[in-house]
Amino acid sequence: MINAIGRRKSSIARIYLTKGDGKIVVNGKDYKAYFPQVHVQDNILQPFAAAAIEYSIYDLNVNVKGGGFKGQAEAVRMGIARALTKLNEDFRKPLKDQKLLTRDAREVERKKYGKPKARRSFQFSKR
């Protein structure tokens, strides 16, 4: 069993990779039920395509918390990429070329006092 952690925005995903028959379980549900959008499902399988291996020979058990569905999906994607790198060091180059091992550090900027949002100001009137 190989485990790895992926993070994105305020989401944290723990990945447990084992030999199996291609079941991907996210928080106790099938990944297609947990992430119903097709483009998000493709996002999760992207590391397998980059490493040019079939995902049907591995079982993935994923625990993910925090954030929204997009941040969670990208956290899962990063965790899978890290787990595949631990599995075989040869996968590192193709995964790194597609930036799947790089942590996207962009976070939501906090709201400041005297402003309605983080940077937006109230309308200015000279007179």
N, C-alpha and C. Protein backbone atom coordinates (compact mmCIF):
# COMPACT_ATOMS: atom_id res chain seq x y z
N MET A 1 0.84 -1.19 0.00
CA MET A 1 0.00 0.00 0.00
C MET A 1 0.88 1.25 0.00
N ILE A 2 0.55 2.17 -0.88
CA ILE A 2 1.27 3.43 -0.97
C ILE A 2 0.30 4.54 -0.63
N ASN A 3 0.74 5.49 0.22
CA ASN A 3 -0.13 6.62 0.52
C ASN A 3 0.58 7.92 0.20
N ALA A 4 -0.24 8.93 -0.17
CA ALA A 4 0.28 10.24 -0.53
C ALA A 4 -0.77 11.29 -0.20
N ILE A 5 -0.31 12.54 -0.13
CA ILE A 5 -1.21 13.65 0.19
C ILE A 5 -1.16 14.66 -0.95
N GLY A 6 -2.34 15.16 -1.34
CA GLY A 6 -2.44 16.22 -2.33
C GLY A 6 -3.21 17.38 -1.75
N ARG A 7 -2.80 18.61 -2.09
CA ARG A 7 -3.49 19.79 -1.58
C ARG A 7 -3.77 20.77 -2.70
N ARG A 8 -4.89 21.51 -2.55
CA ARG A 8 -5.25 22.57 -3.48
C ARG A 8 -6.26 23.47 -2.80
N LYS A 9 -6.05 24.79 -2.84
CA LYS A 9 -6.88 25.76 -2.13
C LYS A 9 -7.01 25.34 -0.68
N SER A 10 -8.20 25.06 -0.19
CA SER A 10 -8.32 24.62 1.21
C SER A 10 -8.68 23.14 1.30
N SER A 11 -8.43 22.38 0.22
CA SER A 11 -8.74 20.96 0.19
C SER A 11 -7.50 20.12 0.46
N ILE A 12 -7.70 19.04 1.19
CA ILE A 12 -6.62 18.09 1.47
C ILE A 12 -7.13 16.70 1.13
N ALA A 13 -6.36 15.98 0.30
CA ALA A 13 -6.75 14.63 -0.11
C ALA A 13 -5.67 13.64 0.31
N ARG A 14 -6.12 12.56 0.96
CA ARG A 14 -5.21 11.46 1.31
C ARG A 14 -5.52 10.30 0.38
N ILE A 15 -4.49 9.79 -0.28
CA ILE A 15 -4.63 8.75 -1.30
C ILE A 15 -3.99 7.47 -0.79
N TYR A 16 -4.70 6.36 -0.92
CA TYR A 16 -4.16 5.05 -0.59
C TYR A 16 -4.23 4.19 -1.85
N LEU A 17 -3.07 3.83 -2.41
CA LEU A 17 -2.97 3.11 -3.68
C LEU A 17 -2.59 1.66 -3.40
N THR A 18 -3.39 0.73 -3.87
CA THR A 18 -3.10 -0.70 -3.72
C THR A 18 -3.35 -1.41 -5.04
N LYS A 19 -2.77 -2.59 -5.18
CA LYS A 19 -3.05 -3.42 -6.35
C LYS A 19 -4.51 -3.86 -6.28
N GLY A 20 -5.18 -3.86 -7.42
CA GLY A 20 -6.60 -4.22 -7.38
C GLY A 20 -7.19 -4.30 -8.77
N ASP A 21 -8.48 -3.93 -8.87
CA ASP A 21 -9.18 -4.06 -10.15
C ASP A 21 -9.80 -2.74 -10.62
N GLY A 22 -9.20 -1.61 -10.26
CA GLY A 22 -9.62 -0.33 -10.82
C GLY A 22 -10.73 0.39 -10.10
N LYS A 23 -10.98 0.09 -8.83
CA LYS A 23 -12.02 0.79 -8.08
C LYS A 23 -11.42 2.07 -7.50
N ILE A 24 -12.09 3.19 -7.73
CA ILE A 24 -11.69 4.47 -7.14
C ILE A 24 -12.82 4.90 -6.21
N VAL A 25 -12.54 4.91 -4.92
CA VAL A 25 -13.54 5.24 -3.90
C VAL A 25 -13.13 6.55 -3.24
N VAL A 26 -14.02 7.55 -3.30
CA VAL A 26 -13.76 8.86 -2.69
C VAL A 26 -14.77 9.05 -1.56
N ASN A 27 -14.28 9.16 -0.34
CA ASN A 27 -15.12 9.34 0.85
C ASN A 27 -16.26 8.32 0.92
N GLY A 28 -15.95 7.07 0.61
CA GLY A 28 -16.94 6.00 0.72
C GLY A 28 -17.85 5.83 -0.48
N LYS A 29 -17.74 6.70 -1.49
CA LYS A 29 -18.57 6.60 -2.69
C LYS A 29 -17.68 6.35 -3.90
N ASP A 30 -18.26 5.83 -4.97
CA ASP A 30 -17.55 5.72 -6.24
C ASP A 30 -17.22 7.13 -6.73
N TYR A 31 -16.06 7.30 -7.37
CA TYR A 31 -15.64 8.64 -7.77
C TYR A 31 -16.59 9.28 -8.78
N LYS A 32 -17.30 8.47 -9.56
CA LYS A 32 -18.26 9.03 -10.52
C LYS A 32 -19.51 9.55 -9.81
N ALA A 33 -19.83 8.99 -8.66
CA ALA A 33 -20.96 9.49 -7.87
C ALA A 33 -20.55 10.71 -7.06
N TYR A 34 -19.32 10.72 -6.58
CA TYR A 34 -18.84 11.84 -5.76
C TYR A 34 -18.58 13.08 -6.62
N PHE A 35 -17.99 12.88 -7.81
CA PHE A 35 -17.74 13.97 -8.76
C PHE A 35 -18.57 13.70 -10.01
N PRO A 36 -19.84 14.16 -10.07
CA PRO A 36 -20.70 13.82 -11.22
C PRO A 36 -20.30 14.50 -12.53
N GLN A 37 -19.54 15.61 -12.47
CA GLN A 37 -19.16 16.30 -13.70
C GLN A 37 -18.10 15.48 -14.44
N VAL A 38 -18.29 15.33 -15.76
CA VAL A 38 -17.39 14.49 -16.55
C VAL A 38 -15.99 15.09 -16.64
N HIS A 39 -15.90 16.43 -16.79
CA HIS A 39 -14.58 17.04 -16.91
C HIS A 39 -13.78 16.93 -15.61
N VAL A 40 -14.46 16.87 -14.47
CA VAL A 40 -13.79 16.70 -13.19
C VAL A 40 -13.30 15.25 -13.05
N GLN A 41 -14.09 14.28 -13.55
CA GLN A 41 -13.67 12.88 -13.53
C GLN A 41 -12.43 12.69 -14.40
N ASP A 42 -12.39 13.35 -15.56
CA ASP A 42 -11.21 13.27 -16.43
C ASP A 42 -9.99 13.87 -15.74
N ASN A 43 -10.24 14.93 -14.97
CA ASN A 43 -9.17 15.60 -14.22
C ASN A 43 -8.50 14.64 -13.25
N ILE A 44 -9.30 13.81 -12.59
CA ILE A 44 -8.77 12.86 -11.61
C ILE A 44 -7.93 11.78 -12.28
N LEU A 45 -8.33 11.34 -13.47
CA LEU A 45 -7.62 10.27 -14.17
C LEU A 45 -6.42 10.78 -14.98
N GLN A 46 -6.20 12.07 -14.98
CA GLN A 46 -5.12 12.67 -15.77
C GLN A 46 -3.72 12.12 -15.44
N PRO A 47 -3.36 11.88 -14.16
CA PRO A 47 -2.03 11.34 -13.88
C PRO A 47 -1.78 9.96 -14.51
N PHE A 48 -2.83 9.12 -14.59
CA PHE A 48 -2.67 7.81 -15.22
C PHE A 48 -2.40 7.96 -16.71
N ALA A 49 -3.08 8.91 -17.35
CA ALA A 49 -2.86 9.15 -18.79
C ALA A 49 -1.47 9.71 -19.03
N ALA A 50 -1.01 10.61 -18.14
CA ALA A 50 0.31 11.21 -18.30
C ALA A 50 1.42 10.17 -18.14
N ALA A 51 1.23 9.25 -17.20
CA ALA A 51 2.23 8.20 -16.96
C ALA A 51 2.07 7.04 -17.94
N ALA A 52 1.03 7.09 -18.77
CA ALA A 52 0.75 6.07 -19.78
C ALA A 52 0.58 4.69 -19.17
N ILE A 53 -0.19 4.62 -18.06
CA ILE A 53 -0.53 3.33 -17.46
C ILE A 53 -2.04 3.23 -17.33
N GLU A 54 -2.51 2.01 -17.25
CA GLU A 54 -3.94 1.75 -17.12
C GLU A 54 -4.32 1.81 -15.64
N TYR A 55 -5.36 2.59 -15.31
CA TYR A 55 -5.75 2.73 -13.91
C TYR A 55 -6.50 1.51 -13.40
N SER A 56 -6.87 0.59 -14.29
CA SER A 56 -7.68 -0.56 -13.88
C SER A 56 -6.89 -1.62 -13.12
N ILE A 57 -5.57 -1.45 -12.95
CA ILE A 57 -4.79 -2.43 -12.18
C ILE A 57 -4.56 -1.97 -10.75
N TYR A 58 -5.05 -0.77 -10.41
CA TYR A 58 -4.87 -0.24 -9.05
C TYR A 58 -6.21 0.13 -8.43
N ASP A 59 -6.31 -0.08 -7.13
CA ASP A 59 -7.45 0.40 -6.36
C ASP A 59 -7.03 1.67 -5.64
N LEU A 60 -7.90 2.66 -5.65
CA LEU A 60 -7.62 3.92 -4.96
C LEU A 60 -8.68 4.15 -3.89
N ASN A 61 -8.23 4.39 -2.67
CA ASN A 61 -9.13 4.79 -1.60
C ASN A 61 -8.73 6.21 -1.23
N VAL A 62 -9.66 7.14 -1.35
CA VAL A 62 -9.36 8.57 -1.19
C VAL A 62 -10.21 9.15 -0.07
N ASN A 63 -9.56 9.87 0.84
CA ASN A 63 -10.26 10.68 1.84
C ASN A 63 -9.96 12.13 1.51
N VAL A 64 -11.00 12.91 1.26
CA VAL A 64 -10.78 14.32 0.90
C VAL A 64 -11.71 15.18 1.74
N LYS A 65 -11.18 16.32 2.20
CA LYS A 65 -11.99 17.23 3.00
C LYS A 65 -11.61 18.67 2.69
N GLY A 66 -12.56 19.57 2.94
CA GLY A 66 -12.32 21.00 2.75
C GLY A 66 -12.53 21.45 1.32
N GLY A 67 -12.93 22.72 1.17
CA GLY A 67 -13.04 23.33 -0.15
C GLY A 67 -14.25 22.86 -0.94
N GLY A 68 -14.25 23.20 -2.22
CA GLY A 68 -15.33 22.84 -3.12
C GLY A 68 -14.94 21.68 -4.01
N PHE A 69 -15.79 21.33 -4.97
CA PHE A 69 -15.53 20.14 -5.77
C PHE A 69 -14.29 20.30 -6.66
N LYS A 70 -14.05 21.51 -7.18
CA LYS A 70 -12.89 21.69 -8.07
C LYS A 70 -11.58 21.58 -7.30
N GLY A 71 -11.52 22.25 -6.15
CA GLY A 71 -10.32 22.17 -5.32
C GLY A 71 -10.08 20.75 -4.83
N GLN A 72 -11.15 20.04 -4.48
CA GLN A 72 -11.01 18.66 -4.03
C GLN A 72 -10.51 17.77 -5.16
N ALA A 73 -11.04 17.97 -6.36
CA ALA A 73 -10.63 17.15 -7.50
C ALA A 73 -9.16 17.37 -7.83
N GLU A 74 -8.71 18.63 -7.76
CA GLU A 74 -7.31 18.91 -8.07
C GLU A 74 -6.39 18.43 -6.96
N ALA A 75 -6.87 18.40 -5.72
CA ALA A 75 -6.09 17.82 -4.62
C ALA A 75 -5.94 16.31 -4.82
N VAL A 76 -7.03 15.66 -5.24
CA VAL A 76 -6.98 14.22 -5.52
C VAL A 76 -6.01 13.94 -6.66
N ARG A 77 -6.07 14.76 -7.70
CA ARG A 77 -5.18 14.60 -8.86
C ARG A 77 -3.71 14.67 -8.45
N MET A 78 -3.39 15.65 -7.60
CA MET A 78 -2.00 15.80 -7.15
C MET A 78 -1.58 14.63 -6.28
N GLY A 79 -2.48 14.15 -5.41
CA GLY A 79 -2.17 13.01 -4.56
C GLY A 79 -1.92 11.75 -5.36
N ILE A 80 -2.71 11.53 -6.41
CA ILE A 80 -2.52 10.36 -7.27
C ILE A 80 -1.17 10.45 -7.97
N ALA A 81 -0.82 11.63 -8.46
CA ALA A 81 0.46 11.82 -9.13
C ALA A 81 1.62 11.53 -8.18
N ARG A 82 1.51 11.98 -6.93
CA ARG A 82 2.56 11.71 -5.94
C ARG A 82 2.65 10.23 -5.60
N ALA A 83 1.50 9.56 -5.52
CA ALA A 83 1.48 8.12 -5.22
C ALA A 83 2.13 7.33 -6.36
N LEU A 84 1.84 7.71 -7.61
CA LEU A 84 2.44 7.03 -8.76
C LEU A 84 3.95 7.23 -8.79
N THR A 85 4.41 8.40 -8.37
CA THR A 85 5.85 8.66 -8.32
C THR A 85 6.52 7.78 -7.26
N LYS A 86 5.84 7.57 -6.13
CA LYS A 86 6.38 6.66 -5.11
C LYS A 86 6.39 5.22 -5.62
N LEU A 87 5.41 4.87 -6.43
CA LEU A 87 5.31 3.52 -6.99
C LEU A 87 6.47 3.23 -7.94
N ASN A 88 6.74 4.18 -8.84
CA ASN A 88 7.80 4.00 -9.83
C ASN A 88 8.40 5.37 -10.14
N GLU A 89 9.69 5.53 -9.93
CA GLU A 89 10.37 6.82 -10.12
C GLU A 89 10.41 7.23 -11.59
N ASP A 90 10.20 6.28 -12.52
CA ASP A 90 10.20 6.61 -13.95
C ASP A 90 9.00 7.46 -14.35
N PHE A 91 7.93 7.42 -13.54
CA PHE A 91 6.74 8.22 -13.85
C PHE A 91 6.94 9.70 -13.54
N ARG A 92 8.01 10.04 -12.82
CA ARG A 92 8.22 11.42 -12.36
C ARG A 92 8.32 12.41 -13.51
N LYS A 93 9.11 12.10 -14.53
CA LYS A 93 9.33 13.04 -15.64
C LYS A 93 8.05 13.38 -16.40
N PRO A 94 7.25 12.39 -16.86
CA PRO A 94 6.02 12.77 -17.58
C PRO A 94 5.01 13.50 -16.70
N LEU A 95 4.95 13.15 -15.41
CA LEU A 95 4.02 13.84 -14.51
C LEU A 95 4.48 15.27 -14.26
N LYS A 96 5.79 15.45 -14.12
CA LYS A 96 6.33 16.79 -13.87
C LYS A 96 6.18 17.68 -15.10
N ASP A 97 6.29 17.08 -16.30
CA ASP A 97 6.13 17.85 -17.54
C ASP A 97 4.73 18.43 -17.67
N GLN A 98 3.73 17.72 -17.16
CA GLN A 98 2.35 18.23 -17.19
C GLN A 98 1.97 18.99 -15.93
N LYS A 99 2.98 19.29 -15.08
CA LYS A 99 2.81 20.08 -13.85
C LYS A 99 1.81 19.44 -12.87
N LEU A 100 1.77 18.11 -12.83
CA LEU A 100 0.86 17.43 -11.92
C LEU A 100 1.46 17.25 -10.52
N LEU A 101 2.78 17.44 -10.39
CA LEU A 101 3.43 17.31 -9.10
C LEU A 101 3.63 18.66 -8.41
N THR A 102 3.28 19.75 -9.10
CA THR A 102 3.47 21.09 -8.55
C THR A 102 2.23 21.51 -7.77
N ARG A 103 2.44 21.97 -6.55
CA ARG A 103 1.35 22.44 -5.68
C ARG A 103 0.91 23.81 -6.17
N ASP A 104 -0.35 23.94 -6.54
CA ASP A 104 -0.91 25.23 -6.95
C ASP A 104 -1.25 26.00 -5.68
N ALA A 105 -0.43 27.00 -5.35
CA ALA A 105 -0.50 27.64 -4.03
C ALA A 105 -1.49 28.79 -3.96
N ARG A 106 -2.25 29.03 -5.03
CA ARG A 106 -3.19 30.16 -5.02
C ARG A 106 -4.32 29.92 -4.03
N GLU A 107 -4.50 30.86 -3.13
CA GLU A 107 -5.55 30.79 -2.11
C GLU A 107 -6.42 32.03 -2.24
N VAL A 108 -7.59 32.00 -1.64
CA VAL A 108 -8.48 33.16 -1.66
C VAL A 108 -7.89 34.23 -0.75
N GLU A 109 -7.83 35.46 -1.27
CA GLU A 109 -7.30 36.58 -0.49
C GLU A 109 -8.34 37.03 0.53
N ARG A 110 -7.88 37.40 1.70
CA ARG A 110 -8.82 37.76 2.76
C ARG A 110 -9.43 39.13 2.49
N LYS A 111 -10.64 39.35 3.04
CA LYS A 111 -11.33 40.62 2.92
C LYS A 111 -10.69 41.62 3.87
N LYS A 112 -10.51 42.88 3.38
CA LYS A 112 -9.95 43.93 4.21
C LYS A 112 -11.05 44.85 4.72
N TYR A 113 -10.81 45.43 5.89
CA TYR A 113 -11.79 46.36 6.45
C TYR A 113 -11.84 47.62 5.60
N GLY A 114 -13.01 48.27 5.56
CA GLY A 114 -13.19 49.48 4.75
C GLY A 114 -13.39 49.18 3.27
N LYS A 115 -13.50 47.92 2.91
CA LYS A 115 -13.71 47.53 1.51
C LYS A 115 -14.79 46.45 1.47
N PRO A 116 -15.57 46.41 0.37
CA PRO A 116 -16.61 45.39 0.29
C PRO A 116 -16.07 43.98 0.00
N LYS A 117 -14.90 43.89 -0.67
CA LYS A 117 -14.27 42.60 -0.96
C LYS A 117 -12.78 42.74 -0.66
N ALA A 118 -11.97 41.85 -1.16
CA ALA A 118 -10.54 41.89 -0.84
C ALA A 118 -9.87 43.15 -1.40
N ARG A 119 -10.16 43.48 -2.65
CA ARG A 119 -9.51 44.65 -3.27
C ARG A 119 -10.50 45.70 -3.76
N ARG A 120 -11.72 45.30 -4.02
CA ARG A 120 -12.74 46.22 -4.55
C ARG A 120 -13.01 47.32 -3.55
N SER A 121 -13.05 48.57 -4.05
CA SER A 121 -13.38 49.70 -3.19
C SER A 121 -14.79 50.17 -3.47
N PHE A 122 -15.35 50.93 -2.52
CA PHE A 122 -16.66 51.54 -2.76
C PHE A 122 -16.51 52.60 -3.84
N GLN A 123 -17.61 52.91 -4.53
CA GLN A 123 -17.56 53.90 -5.60
C GLN A 123 -17.15 55.25 -5.05
N PHE A 124 -16.20 55.87 -5.75
CA PHE A 124 -15.67 57.16 -5.31
C PHE A 124 -16.44 58.30 -5.97
N SER A 125 -16.82 59.28 -5.18
CA SER A 125 -17.49 60.47 -5.71
C SER A 125 -16.71 61.70 -5.25
N LYS A 126 -16.23 62.46 -6.21
CA LYS A 126 -15.42 63.65 -5.88
C LYS A 126 -16.31 64.73 -5.24
N ARG A 127 -17.56 64.85 -5.72
CA ARG A 127 -18.49 65.85 -5.16
C ARG A 127 -19.79 65.24 -4.75
